[in-house]
Each structure stands twice: as C-alpha cells, then as structure tokens.
Amino acid sequence: MPTDALIRSTEGIHRCWWCGNDEAYVRYHDQEWGIPVHDDARLFEKLCLEGFQAGLSWLTILRKRDSFREAFSDFDIERVARFSSSDVDRLLENAGIVRHRGKIESTINNAARAIALAEEQGSLADYFWKFEPKKSPKIRCRADVVATTPESVSLSKDLKRQGWSFVGPTTCYAFMQSMGIVNDHVVGCKFR
C-alpha cells in the first residue's frame, strides 16, 4: 500500500511516517499512541505534557518524560495541585524538563481544575471521552492530516471556560490522538 504517510521497517512492518526510525519514537507509536486510555492520572499527565510540547517536537518531550514525571510527583493530581511558588522556582531550575514558567504554572493550575472537573463529571475519563468523534478520520496520505477537529475545538473551549490553560485546539487534538479518543493511525499502519 504505497503512500507518503507510511514507512516500512526493515522487518516489513508498516507504520505511520511520523515516528521515523528513532527507537523511542517507534516504541511510543507501537505501544502507546492511539491506544484508548481511561485512567485519570495518565490522561492528566498526557494533557500536561501536550501543553509543554507546544512549540517543540513531541520527541523532545518524550525524551524528557521520566524527568517530568519525577519533577511533577508522577503527575499525582492532588499533589501537583498543592505545588507552591517555591515549587515553581525549583522546577525552573530543573534542566531535565522544559523550564517555561507559564507552562509550569499552567500544570499546577490545571491540576486544581482537574480535581474540580473529576468531582463534577465523575472522572476525567468520563469527561474527555464525551468528545470522542462518531467516526475517526481515514488518513491515507499526509495531506489528510489535520491539526484540529470540531471536537478538539469544543474540548478546548470547554476546558478554557473552566479555567484550564495551554489547552488550545491543536493541543487538545494531539491529546485526543495519543489517548486513543480518536484513531489517527494511517490506513495500512499495522497499529490502526
């Protein structure tokens, strides 16, 4: 199935082109990206990391993910919500993460918002999965790839209305793709 959106590994496996041949990226593509997630801690972590990714490559964040997990108490929502200004200062000194004051403060703010949202909705998973599209797109070539969808725009608007930050429509769509809320593996990818 020739397409500019698939690559073929030396083992003959067809994958989405974006993971290239970087070992960590291929492992992420094969074992995480697009697999449905319903665990609130993982959903919170991923949305935070997508916010940190804004303006950077996902591979940069992926390589720093263990440092992010350590710095943000394994993204324990309750603990992160209690971070103080001294924690922000500490995190700004941590070379293992992206040292961006706005993104760090956003993560702390979003933890408090996540607690309120989970209390209101029953869980973060219950809330996020309400934005699942009726049909996942069929990506056959790179020209089919979109950065936002009506669902990601709606999710972004609703989160912002509730006081979340660094949750624009593109960030929300990347989150939805990675958490399996939408299946954006290319047609012909072994992992679709």
N, C-alpha and C. Protein backbone atom coordinates (compact mmCIF):
# COMPACT_ATOMS: atom_id res chain seq x y z
N MET A 1 0.84 -1.17 0.00
CA MET A 1 0.00 0.00 0.00
C MET A 1 0.89 1.24 0.00
N PRO A 2 1.35 1.69 -1.13
CA PRO A 2 2.25 2.84 -1.17
C PRO A 2 1.51 4.14 -0.82
N THR A 3 2.10 4.89 0.09
CA THR A 3 1.59 6.20 0.50
C THR A 3 2.71 6.97 1.15
N ASP A 4 2.65 8.28 1.08
CA ASP A 4 3.69 9.09 1.73
C ASP A 4 3.50 9.15 3.24
N ALA A 5 2.43 8.57 3.76
CA ALA A 5 2.14 8.62 5.18
C ALA A 5 2.52 7.34 5.92
N LEU A 6 3.08 6.38 5.22
CA LEU A 6 3.53 5.13 5.84
C LEU A 6 5.01 4.95 5.61
N ILE A 7 5.66 4.35 6.58
CA ILE A 7 7.04 3.90 6.39
C ILE A 7 7.06 2.40 6.63
N ARG A 8 8.03 1.76 6.04
CA ARG A 8 8.16 0.30 6.18
C ARG A 8 9.48 0.03 6.89
N SER A 9 9.41 -0.71 7.99
CA SER A 9 10.61 -1.02 8.75
C SER A 9 11.40 -2.11 8.05
N THR A 10 12.59 -2.35 8.55
CA THR A 10 13.41 -3.41 7.98
C THR A 10 12.77 -4.78 8.20
N GLU A 11 11.86 -4.86 9.20
CA GLU A 11 11.14 -6.11 9.46
C GLU A 11 9.89 -6.22 8.59
N GLY A 12 9.64 -5.21 7.77
CA GLY A 12 8.47 -5.24 6.89
C GLY A 12 7.19 -4.72 7.52
N ILE A 13 7.30 -4.05 8.67
CA ILE A 13 6.11 -3.51 9.36
C ILE A 13 5.83 -2.11 8.85
N HIS A 14 4.57 -1.88 8.46
CA HIS A 14 4.15 -0.54 8.05
C HIS A 14 3.68 0.25 9.26
N ARG A 15 4.19 1.49 9.38
CA ARG A 15 3.85 2.38 10.48
C ARG A 15 3.56 3.78 9.94
N CYS A 16 2.90 4.58 10.77
CA CYS A 16 2.73 5.99 10.46
C CYS A 16 4.11 6.63 10.29
N TRP A 17 4.23 7.49 9.30
CA TRP A 17 5.53 8.06 8.93
C TRP A 17 6.19 8.86 10.03
N TRP A 18 5.40 9.49 10.92
CA TRP A 18 5.94 10.48 11.84
C TRP A 18 6.89 9.91 12.89
N CYS A 19 6.83 8.60 13.14
CA CYS A 19 7.73 8.05 14.16
C CYS A 19 9.13 7.78 13.60
N GLY A 20 9.26 7.82 12.27
CA GLY A 20 10.58 7.62 11.67
C GLY A 20 11.21 6.33 12.14
N ASN A 21 12.51 6.39 12.41
CA ASN A 21 13.19 5.18 12.87
C ASN A 21 13.86 5.37 14.23
N ASP A 22 13.52 6.46 14.93
CA ASP A 22 14.03 6.66 16.28
C ASP A 22 13.42 5.58 17.18
N GLU A 23 14.24 4.87 17.91
CA GLU A 23 13.78 3.73 18.72
C GLU A 23 12.72 4.13 19.73
N ALA A 24 12.93 5.24 20.44
CA ALA A 24 11.95 5.68 21.45
C ALA A 24 10.64 6.08 20.79
N TYR A 25 10.73 6.74 19.65
CA TYR A 25 9.52 7.19 18.94
C TYR A 25 8.74 6.00 18.38
N VAL A 26 9.45 5.02 17.86
CA VAL A 26 8.80 3.82 17.32
C VAL A 26 8.10 3.07 18.46
N ARG A 27 8.78 2.93 19.59
CA ARG A 27 8.18 2.24 20.74
C ARG A 27 6.92 2.99 21.21
N TYR A 28 7.01 4.32 21.26
CA TYR A 28 5.85 5.13 21.65
C TYR A 28 4.70 4.91 20.66
N HIS A 29 5.00 4.96 19.38
CA HIS A 29 3.98 4.74 18.34
C HIS A 29 3.33 3.37 18.51
N ASP A 30 4.14 2.35 18.68
CA ASP A 30 3.64 0.97 18.70
C ASP A 30 2.93 0.61 20.01
N GLN A 31 3.37 1.16 21.12
CA GLN A 31 2.89 0.69 22.42
C GLN A 31 2.00 1.67 23.18
N GLU A 32 1.93 2.92 22.73
CA GLU A 32 1.14 3.90 23.48
C GLU A 32 0.19 4.71 22.61
N TRP A 33 0.70 5.33 21.56
CA TRP A 33 -0.07 6.31 20.80
C TRP A 33 -1.32 5.69 20.20
N GLY A 34 -2.45 6.26 20.50
CA GLY A 34 -3.70 5.81 19.92
C GLY A 34 -4.37 4.67 20.66
N ILE A 35 -3.76 4.17 21.71
CA ILE A 35 -4.39 3.10 22.50
C ILE A 35 -5.31 3.77 23.52
N PRO A 36 -6.58 3.41 23.54
CA PRO A 36 -7.54 4.09 24.43
C PRO A 36 -7.12 4.05 25.90
N VAL A 37 -7.16 5.23 26.52
CA VAL A 37 -6.78 5.39 27.93
C VAL A 37 -7.99 5.93 28.69
N HIS A 38 -8.25 5.30 29.85
CA HIS A 38 -9.36 5.73 30.71
C HIS A 38 -8.89 6.03 32.13
N ASP A 39 -7.60 6.03 32.35
CA ASP A 39 -7.02 6.29 33.66
C ASP A 39 -6.80 7.79 33.85
N ASP A 40 -7.41 8.35 34.88
CA ASP A 40 -7.36 9.81 35.08
C ASP A 40 -5.93 10.33 35.22
N ALA A 41 -5.08 9.64 35.94
CA ALA A 41 -3.70 10.11 36.12
C ALA A 41 -2.97 10.17 34.78
N ARG A 42 -3.13 9.15 33.96
CA ARG A 42 -2.47 9.16 32.65
C ARG A 42 -3.05 10.23 31.73
N LEU A 43 -4.35 10.44 31.80
CA LEU A 43 -4.97 11.49 30.99
C LEU A 43 -4.46 12.86 31.40
N PHE A 44 -4.38 13.08 32.70
CA PHE A 44 -3.87 14.36 33.20
C PHE A 44 -2.42 14.56 32.78
N GLU A 45 -1.60 13.54 32.98
CA GLU A 45 -0.19 13.64 32.59
C GLU A 45 -0.06 14.00 31.12
N LYS A 46 -0.79 13.30 30.28
CA LYS A 46 -0.64 13.50 28.84
C LYS A 46 -1.09 14.89 28.42
N LEU A 47 -2.19 15.38 28.99
CA LEU A 47 -2.63 16.72 28.61
C LEU A 47 -1.60 17.76 29.06
N CYS A 48 -1.01 17.56 30.23
CA CYS A 48 0.04 18.47 30.69
C CYS A 48 1.26 18.42 29.77
N LEU A 49 1.68 17.22 29.41
CA LEU A 49 2.84 17.09 28.54
C LEU A 49 2.57 17.66 27.15
N GLU A 50 1.35 17.51 26.66
CA GLU A 50 1.00 18.14 25.38
C GLU A 50 1.10 19.65 25.49
N GLY A 51 0.74 20.21 26.64
CA GLY A 51 0.90 21.65 26.84
C GLY A 51 2.36 22.05 26.84
N PHE A 52 3.21 21.25 27.46
CA PHE A 52 4.65 21.54 27.44
C PHE A 52 5.21 21.41 26.03
N GLN A 53 4.62 20.54 25.22
CA GLN A 53 5.11 20.30 23.87
C GLN A 53 4.86 21.48 22.94
N ALA A 54 3.90 22.32 23.25
CA ALA A 54 3.55 23.44 22.36
C ALA A 54 4.81 24.21 21.94
N GLY A 55 5.04 24.26 20.64
CA GLY A 55 6.20 24.94 20.09
C GLY A 55 7.45 24.08 19.99
N LEU A 56 7.36 22.85 20.46
CA LEU A 56 8.51 21.93 20.44
C LEU A 56 8.09 20.65 19.73
N SER A 57 9.03 19.75 19.53
CA SER A 57 8.68 18.45 18.96
C SER A 57 8.25 17.51 20.09
N TRP A 58 7.37 16.56 19.76
CA TRP A 58 6.95 15.60 20.77
C TRP A 58 8.13 14.74 21.21
N LEU A 59 9.05 14.48 20.31
CA LEU A 59 10.21 13.66 20.66
C LEU A 59 11.02 14.33 21.79
N THR A 60 11.10 15.64 21.78
CA THR A 60 11.79 16.36 22.87
C THR A 60 11.12 16.05 24.20
N ILE A 61 9.80 16.11 24.24
CA ILE A 61 9.06 15.84 25.47
C ILE A 61 9.18 14.36 25.85
N LEU A 62 9.08 13.49 24.87
CA LEU A 62 9.18 12.06 25.13
C LEU A 62 10.52 11.72 25.80
N ARG A 63 11.58 12.33 25.32
CA ARG A 63 12.91 12.07 25.89
C ARG A 63 13.04 12.62 27.31
N LYS A 64 12.23 13.61 27.66
CA LYS A 64 12.28 14.21 28.99
C LYS A 64 11.16 13.69 29.90
N ARG A 65 10.35 12.78 29.41
CA ARG A 65 9.15 12.37 30.15
C ARG A 65 9.47 11.83 31.55
N ASP A 66 10.49 11.02 31.69
CA ASP A 66 10.83 10.49 33.02
C ASP A 66 11.19 11.63 33.97
N SER A 67 11.90 12.63 33.48
CA SER A 67 12.24 13.79 34.32
C SER A 67 10.99 14.58 34.68
N PHE A 68 10.08 14.72 33.73
CA PHE A 68 8.81 15.38 34.03
C PHE A 68 8.05 14.62 35.11
N ARG A 69 8.01 13.31 34.99
CA ARG A 69 7.29 12.50 35.99
C ARG A 69 7.89 12.68 37.38
N GLU A 70 9.20 12.69 37.45
CA GLU A 70 9.86 12.88 38.74
C GLU A 70 9.59 14.29 39.26
N ALA A 71 9.71 15.28 38.42
CA ALA A 71 9.54 16.68 38.83
C ALA A 71 8.12 16.99 39.28
N PHE A 72 7.14 16.34 38.65
CA PHE A 72 5.74 16.61 38.94
C PHE A 72 5.07 15.46 39.72
N SER A 73 5.85 14.83 40.61
CA SER A 73 5.30 13.80 41.52
C SER A 73 4.48 12.76 40.78
N ASP A 74 5.02 12.29 39.66
CA ASP A 74 4.37 11.29 38.83
C ASP A 74 2.96 11.73 38.38
N PHE A 75 2.81 13.06 38.28
CA PHE A 75 1.54 13.68 37.86
C PHE A 75 0.37 13.27 38.75
N ASP A 76 0.67 13.07 40.03
CA ASP A 76 -0.38 12.85 41.02
C ASP A 76 -1.17 14.16 41.11
N ILE A 77 -2.39 14.14 40.68
CA ILE A 77 -3.18 15.37 40.53
C ILE A 77 -3.30 16.12 41.86
N GLU A 78 -3.59 15.42 42.93
CA GLU A 78 -3.75 16.07 44.24
C GLU A 78 -2.45 16.73 44.69
N ARG A 79 -1.34 16.05 44.50
CA ARG A 79 -0.04 16.61 44.92
C ARG A 79 0.33 17.80 44.08
N VAL A 80 0.16 17.70 42.76
CA VAL A 80 0.53 18.81 41.88
C VAL A 80 -0.32 20.04 42.20
N ALA A 81 -1.58 19.85 42.51
CA ALA A 81 -2.46 20.98 42.85
C ALA A 81 -1.98 21.74 44.08
N ARG A 82 -1.20 21.09 44.93
CA ARG A 82 -0.68 21.73 46.15
C ARG A 82 0.70 22.37 45.94
N PHE A 83 1.26 22.27 44.73
CA PHE A 83 2.56 22.90 44.49
C PHE A 83 2.45 24.40 44.75
N SER A 84 3.54 24.95 45.29
CA SER A 84 3.58 26.37 45.66
C SER A 84 4.53 27.14 44.75
N SER A 85 4.67 28.42 45.04
CA SER A 85 5.60 29.25 44.26
C SER A 85 7.03 28.75 44.44
N SER A 86 7.37 28.18 45.59
CA SER A 86 8.72 27.62 45.77
C SER A 86 8.91 26.39 44.88
N ASP A 87 7.83 25.64 44.65
CA ASP A 87 7.92 24.51 43.72
C ASP A 87 8.14 25.02 42.30
N VAL A 88 7.49 26.10 41.94
CA VAL A 88 7.69 26.69 40.61
C VAL A 88 9.15 27.08 40.46
N ASP A 89 9.71 27.75 41.48
CA ASP A 89 11.13 28.15 41.43
C ASP A 89 12.03 26.93 41.29
N ARG A 90 11.73 25.88 42.05
CA ARG A 90 12.52 24.63 41.98
C ARG A 90 12.45 24.05 40.57
N LEU A 91 11.27 24.01 39.99
CA LEU A 91 11.10 23.43 38.66
C LEU A 91 11.79 24.26 37.58
N LEU A 92 11.84 25.57 37.77
CA LEU A 92 12.53 26.43 36.81
C LEU A 92 14.04 26.16 36.78
N GLU A 93 14.56 25.53 37.82
CA GLU A 93 15.99 25.18 37.89
C GLU A 93 16.26 23.77 37.38
N ASN A 94 15.22 23.02 37.05
CA ASN A 94 15.36 21.61 36.66
C ASN A 94 15.63 21.50 35.16
N ALA A 95 16.87 21.22 34.81
CA ALA A 95 17.26 21.12 33.39
C ALA A 95 16.69 19.89 32.71
N GLY A 96 16.11 18.97 33.48
CA GLY A 96 15.55 17.76 32.90
C GLY A 96 14.18 17.96 32.27
N ILE A 97 13.56 19.12 32.52
CA ILE A 97 12.24 19.40 31.96
C ILE A 97 12.32 20.67 31.10
N VAL A 98 11.22 21.02 30.49
CA VAL A 98 11.12 22.30 29.77
C VAL A 98 10.87 23.37 30.83
N ARG A 99 11.80 24.31 30.95
CA ARG A 99 11.74 25.32 32.01
C ARG A 99 11.03 26.57 31.48
N HIS A 100 9.74 26.50 31.47
CA HIS A 100 8.89 27.59 30.97
C HIS A 100 7.91 27.91 32.09
N ARG A 101 8.07 29.08 32.69
CA ARG A 101 7.25 29.44 33.85
C ARG A 101 5.75 29.29 33.57
N GLY A 102 5.30 29.79 32.42
CA GLY A 102 3.88 29.72 32.10
C GLY A 102 3.37 28.29 32.03
N LYS A 103 4.16 27.40 31.45
CA LYS A 103 3.74 26.00 31.33
C LYS A 103 3.77 25.28 32.67
N ILE A 104 4.75 25.62 33.49
CA ILE A 104 4.82 25.03 34.84
C ILE A 104 3.62 25.49 35.67
N GLU A 105 3.36 26.79 35.67
CA GLU A 105 2.23 27.31 36.43
C GLU A 105 0.91 26.77 35.88
N SER A 106 0.85 26.57 34.58
CA SER A 106 -0.35 26.01 33.96
C SER A 106 -0.61 24.59 34.47
N THR A 107 0.43 23.80 34.59
CA THR A 107 0.27 22.43 35.07
C THR A 107 -0.30 22.41 36.49
N ILE A 108 0.18 23.31 37.33
CA ILE A 108 -0.32 23.39 38.70
C ILE A 108 -1.78 23.86 38.70
N ASN A 109 -2.06 24.89 37.93
CA ASN A 109 -3.44 25.38 37.80
C ASN A 109 -4.35 24.27 37.28
N ASN A 110 -3.91 23.59 36.24
CA ASN A 110 -4.75 22.56 35.62
C ASN A 110 -5.01 21.39 36.56
N ALA A 111 -4.09 21.14 37.49
CA ALA A 111 -4.33 20.08 38.48
C ALA A 111 -5.53 20.45 39.35
N ALA A 112 -5.58 21.69 39.79
CA ALA A 112 -6.73 22.13 40.59
C ALA A 112 -8.00 22.06 39.76
N ARG A 113 -7.93 22.45 38.51
CA ARG A 113 -9.10 22.38 37.62
C ARG A 113 -9.51 20.92 37.40
N ALA A 114 -8.53 20.01 37.30
CA ALA A 114 -8.82 18.59 37.09
C ALA A 114 -9.57 17.99 38.28
N ILE A 115 -9.19 18.40 39.47
CA ILE A 115 -9.88 17.90 40.66
C ILE A 115 -11.36 18.31 40.61
N ALA A 116 -11.59 19.58 40.32
CA ALA A 116 -12.97 20.07 40.25
C ALA A 116 -13.75 19.38 39.14
N LEU A 117 -13.10 19.19 38.00
CA LEU A 117 -13.77 18.56 36.86
C LEU A 117 -14.13 17.10 37.16
N ALA A 118 -13.20 16.38 37.79
CA ALA A 118 -13.46 14.98 38.13
C ALA A 118 -14.60 14.87 39.15
N GLU A 119 -14.63 15.80 40.09
CA GLU A 119 -15.73 15.79 41.06
C GLU A 119 -17.07 16.04 40.38
N GLU A 120 -17.07 16.94 39.42
CA GLU A 120 -18.31 17.29 38.73
C GLU A 120 -18.75 16.20 37.75
N GLN A 121 -17.81 15.60 37.04
CA GLN A 121 -18.13 14.66 35.96
C GLN A 121 -18.05 13.19 36.36
N GLY A 122 -17.51 12.91 37.52
CA GLY A 122 -17.33 11.53 37.94
C GLY A 122 -15.89 11.08 37.77
N SER A 123 -15.27 11.49 36.68
CA SER A 123 -13.85 11.23 36.43
C SER A 123 -13.41 12.06 35.24
N LEU A 124 -12.11 12.24 35.10
CA LEU A 124 -11.60 12.93 33.91
C LEU A 124 -11.93 12.11 32.66
N ALA A 125 -11.82 10.79 32.79
CA ALA A 125 -12.10 9.92 31.64
C ALA A 125 -13.53 10.11 31.16
N ASP A 126 -14.48 10.14 32.09
CA ASP A 126 -15.88 10.34 31.70
C ASP A 126 -16.03 11.63 30.91
N TYR A 127 -15.35 12.66 31.35
CA TYR A 127 -15.42 13.95 30.68
C TYR A 127 -14.76 13.91 29.30
N PHE A 128 -13.50 13.52 29.24
CA PHE A 128 -12.76 13.58 27.97
C PHE A 128 -13.38 12.70 26.89
N TRP A 129 -13.86 11.53 27.28
CA TRP A 129 -14.40 10.61 26.28
C TRP A 129 -15.73 11.09 25.70
N LYS A 130 -16.35 12.09 26.32
CA LYS A 130 -17.56 12.68 25.73
C LYS A 130 -17.25 13.39 24.41
N PHE A 131 -15.97 13.69 24.18
CA PHE A 131 -15.57 14.40 22.98
C PHE A 131 -15.10 13.46 21.86
N GLU A 132 -15.28 12.17 22.07
CA GLU A 132 -14.91 11.19 21.04
C GLU A 132 -15.78 11.43 19.80
N PRO A 133 -15.15 11.55 18.63
CA PRO A 133 -15.95 11.75 17.42
C PRO A 133 -16.73 10.48 17.07
N LYS A 134 -17.80 10.66 16.35
CA LYS A 134 -18.61 9.50 15.94
C LYS A 134 -17.79 8.57 15.04
N LYS A 135 -16.92 9.16 14.21
CA LYS A 135 -16.05 8.38 13.32
C LYS A 135 -14.65 8.95 13.36
N SER A 136 -13.67 8.06 13.37
CA SER A 136 -12.29 8.51 13.25
C SER A 136 -11.99 8.78 11.78
N PRO A 137 -11.14 9.75 11.52
CA PRO A 137 -10.81 10.05 10.13
C PRO A 137 -10.03 8.90 9.48
N LYS A 138 -10.05 8.85 8.18
CA LYS A 138 -9.27 7.87 7.43
C LYS A 138 -8.09 8.62 6.79
N ILE A 139 -6.93 8.46 7.38
CA ILE A 139 -5.74 9.12 6.86
C ILE A 139 -5.05 8.17 5.91
N ARG A 140 -4.99 8.58 4.67
CA ARG A 140 -4.35 7.77 3.64
C ARG A 140 -3.05 8.39 3.15
N CYS A 141 -2.92 9.71 3.31
CA CYS A 141 -1.69 10.41 2.91
C CYS A 141 -1.51 11.60 3.84
N ARG A 142 -0.35 12.21 3.81
CA ARG A 142 -0.07 13.32 4.73
C ARG A 142 -1.02 14.49 4.52
N ALA A 143 -1.52 14.65 3.31
CA ALA A 143 -2.47 15.74 3.04
C ALA A 143 -3.77 15.56 3.82
N ASP A 144 -4.08 14.35 4.28
CA ASP A 144 -5.30 14.08 5.04
C ASP A 144 -5.18 14.50 6.51
N VAL A 145 -3.97 14.78 6.96
CA VAL A 145 -3.72 15.08 8.37
C VAL A 145 -4.23 16.48 8.69
N VAL A 146 -4.95 16.59 9.80
CA VAL A 146 -5.44 17.89 10.26
C VAL A 146 -4.86 18.18 11.65
N ALA A 147 -4.84 19.46 12.01
CA ALA A 147 -4.31 19.86 13.31
C ALA A 147 -5.41 20.01 14.35
N THR A 148 -6.63 20.22 13.89
CA THR A 148 -7.77 20.37 14.80
C THR A 148 -9.00 19.73 14.17
N THR A 149 -9.99 19.49 15.01
CA THR A 149 -11.28 18.99 14.54
C THR A 149 -12.36 19.77 15.30
N PRO A 150 -13.60 19.68 14.87
CA PRO A 150 -14.66 20.33 15.66
C PRO A 150 -14.67 19.85 17.12
N GLU A 151 -14.38 18.58 17.34
CA GLU A 151 -14.37 18.04 18.70
C GLU A 151 -13.23 18.64 19.53
N SER A 152 -12.05 18.78 18.92
CA SER A 152 -10.93 19.35 19.69
C SER A 152 -11.15 20.83 19.97
N VAL A 153 -11.81 21.52 19.05
CA VAL A 153 -12.15 22.92 19.28
C VAL A 153 -13.14 23.02 20.44
N SER A 154 -14.15 22.15 20.45
CA SER A 154 -15.14 22.14 21.53
C SER A 154 -14.49 21.82 22.87
N LEU A 155 -13.61 20.81 22.89
CA LEU A 155 -12.91 20.44 24.12
C LEU A 155 -12.08 21.62 24.63
N SER A 156 -11.34 22.24 23.74
CA SER A 156 -10.51 23.38 24.12
C SER A 156 -11.35 24.51 24.71
N LYS A 157 -12.42 24.86 24.05
CA LYS A 157 -13.29 25.94 24.55
C LYS A 157 -13.86 25.60 25.92
N ASP A 158 -14.29 24.36 26.09
CA ASP A 158 -14.89 23.98 27.36
C ASP A 158 -13.85 23.98 28.48
N LEU A 159 -12.65 23.47 28.21
CA LEU A 159 -11.60 23.49 29.23
C LEU A 159 -11.23 24.92 29.59
N LYS A 160 -11.07 25.78 28.59
CA LYS A 160 -10.73 27.18 28.87
C LYS A 160 -11.83 27.86 29.68
N ARG A 161 -13.07 27.55 29.38
CA ARG A 161 -14.20 28.12 30.13
C ARG A 161 -14.09 27.75 31.60
N GLN A 162 -13.52 26.58 31.88
CA GLN A 162 -13.37 26.11 33.26
C GLN A 162 -12.06 26.56 33.90
N GLY A 163 -11.27 27.36 33.18
CA GLY A 163 -10.05 27.91 33.76
C GLY A 163 -8.77 27.17 33.45
N TRP A 164 -8.82 26.16 32.58
CA TRP A 164 -7.60 25.45 32.18
C TRP A 164 -6.79 26.36 31.25
N SER A 165 -5.49 26.10 31.16
CA SER A 165 -4.63 26.85 30.25
C SER A 165 -3.71 25.90 29.48
N PHE A 166 -3.13 26.42 28.41
CA PHE A 166 -2.30 25.64 27.49
C PHE A 166 -3.09 24.43 26.96
N VAL A 167 -4.32 24.69 26.60
CA VAL A 167 -5.21 23.65 26.07
C VAL A 167 -5.90 24.16 24.80
N GLY A 168 -5.10 24.66 23.87
CA GLY A 168 -5.67 25.11 22.61
C GLY A 168 -6.18 23.94 21.80
N PRO A 169 -6.90 24.21 20.70
CA PRO A 169 -7.49 23.14 19.89
C PRO A 169 -6.46 22.16 19.32
N THR A 170 -5.29 22.64 18.94
CA THR A 170 -4.25 21.75 18.41
C THR A 170 -3.71 20.85 19.51
N THR A 171 -3.46 21.43 20.68
CA THR A 171 -3.01 20.65 21.83
C THR A 171 -4.05 19.60 22.20
N CYS A 172 -5.31 20.00 22.20
CA CYS A 172 -6.39 19.06 22.54
C CYS A 172 -6.48 17.94 21.51
N TYR A 173 -6.27 18.27 20.23
CA TYR A 173 -6.36 17.21 19.23
C TYR A 173 -5.20 16.23 19.37
N ALA A 174 -4.00 16.74 19.62
CA ALA A 174 -2.85 15.85 19.83
C ALA A 174 -3.10 14.94 21.04
N PHE A 175 -3.70 15.50 22.08
CA PHE A 175 -4.07 14.72 23.26
C PHE A 175 -5.08 13.64 22.89
N MET A 176 -6.11 14.00 22.14
CA MET A 176 -7.14 13.03 21.75
C MET A 176 -6.55 11.90 20.90
N GLN A 177 -5.63 12.25 20.01
CA GLN A 177 -4.97 11.22 19.18
C GLN A 177 -4.16 10.27 20.05
N SER A 178 -3.35 10.83 20.91
CA SER A 178 -2.44 9.99 21.69
C SER A 178 -3.17 9.12 22.70
N MET A 179 -4.29 9.58 23.21
CA MET A 179 -5.03 8.82 24.22
C MET A 179 -6.08 7.90 23.60
N GLY A 180 -6.11 7.81 22.28
CA GLY A 180 -7.00 6.88 21.60
C GLY A 180 -8.44 7.35 21.52
N ILE A 181 -8.70 8.60 21.87
CA ILE A 181 -10.05 9.14 21.76
C ILE A 181 -10.43 9.25 20.29
N VAL A 182 -9.43 9.42 19.46
CA VAL A 182 -9.60 9.38 18.01
C VAL A 182 -8.49 8.46 17.47
N ASN A 183 -8.78 7.67 16.45
CA ASN A 183 -7.78 6.78 15.87
C ASN A 183 -7.23 7.44 14.61
N ASP A 184 -6.05 8.00 14.73
CA ASP A 184 -5.42 8.69 13.60
C ASP A 184 -4.25 7.92 13.01
N HIS A 185 -4.16 6.63 13.31
CA HIS A 185 -3.13 5.84 12.61
C HIS A 185 -3.50 5.82 11.13
N VAL A 186 -2.50 5.89 10.30
CA VAL A 186 -2.70 5.89 8.85
C VAL A 186 -3.29 4.55 8.41
N VAL A 187 -4.19 4.61 7.46
CA VAL A 187 -4.73 3.38 6.87
C VAL A 187 -3.55 2.58 6.33
N GLY A 188 -3.46 1.34 6.73
CA GLY A 188 -2.34 0.48 6.34
C GLY A 188 -1.30 0.33 7.42
N CYS A 189 -1.36 1.18 8.47
CA CYS A 189 -0.45 1.04 9.60
C CYS A 189 -0.83 -0.22 10.36
N LYS A 190 0.14 -1.00 10.75
CA LYS A 190 -0.12 -2.23 11.50
C LYS A 190 -0.87 -1.97 12.78
N PHE A 191 -0.76 -0.76 13.33
CA PHE A 191 -1.31 -0.46 14.65
C PHE A 191 -2.64 0.30 14.60
N ARG A 192 -3.23 0.40 13.42
CA ARG A 192 -4.54 1.08 13.30
C ARG A 192 -5.63 0.23 13.90
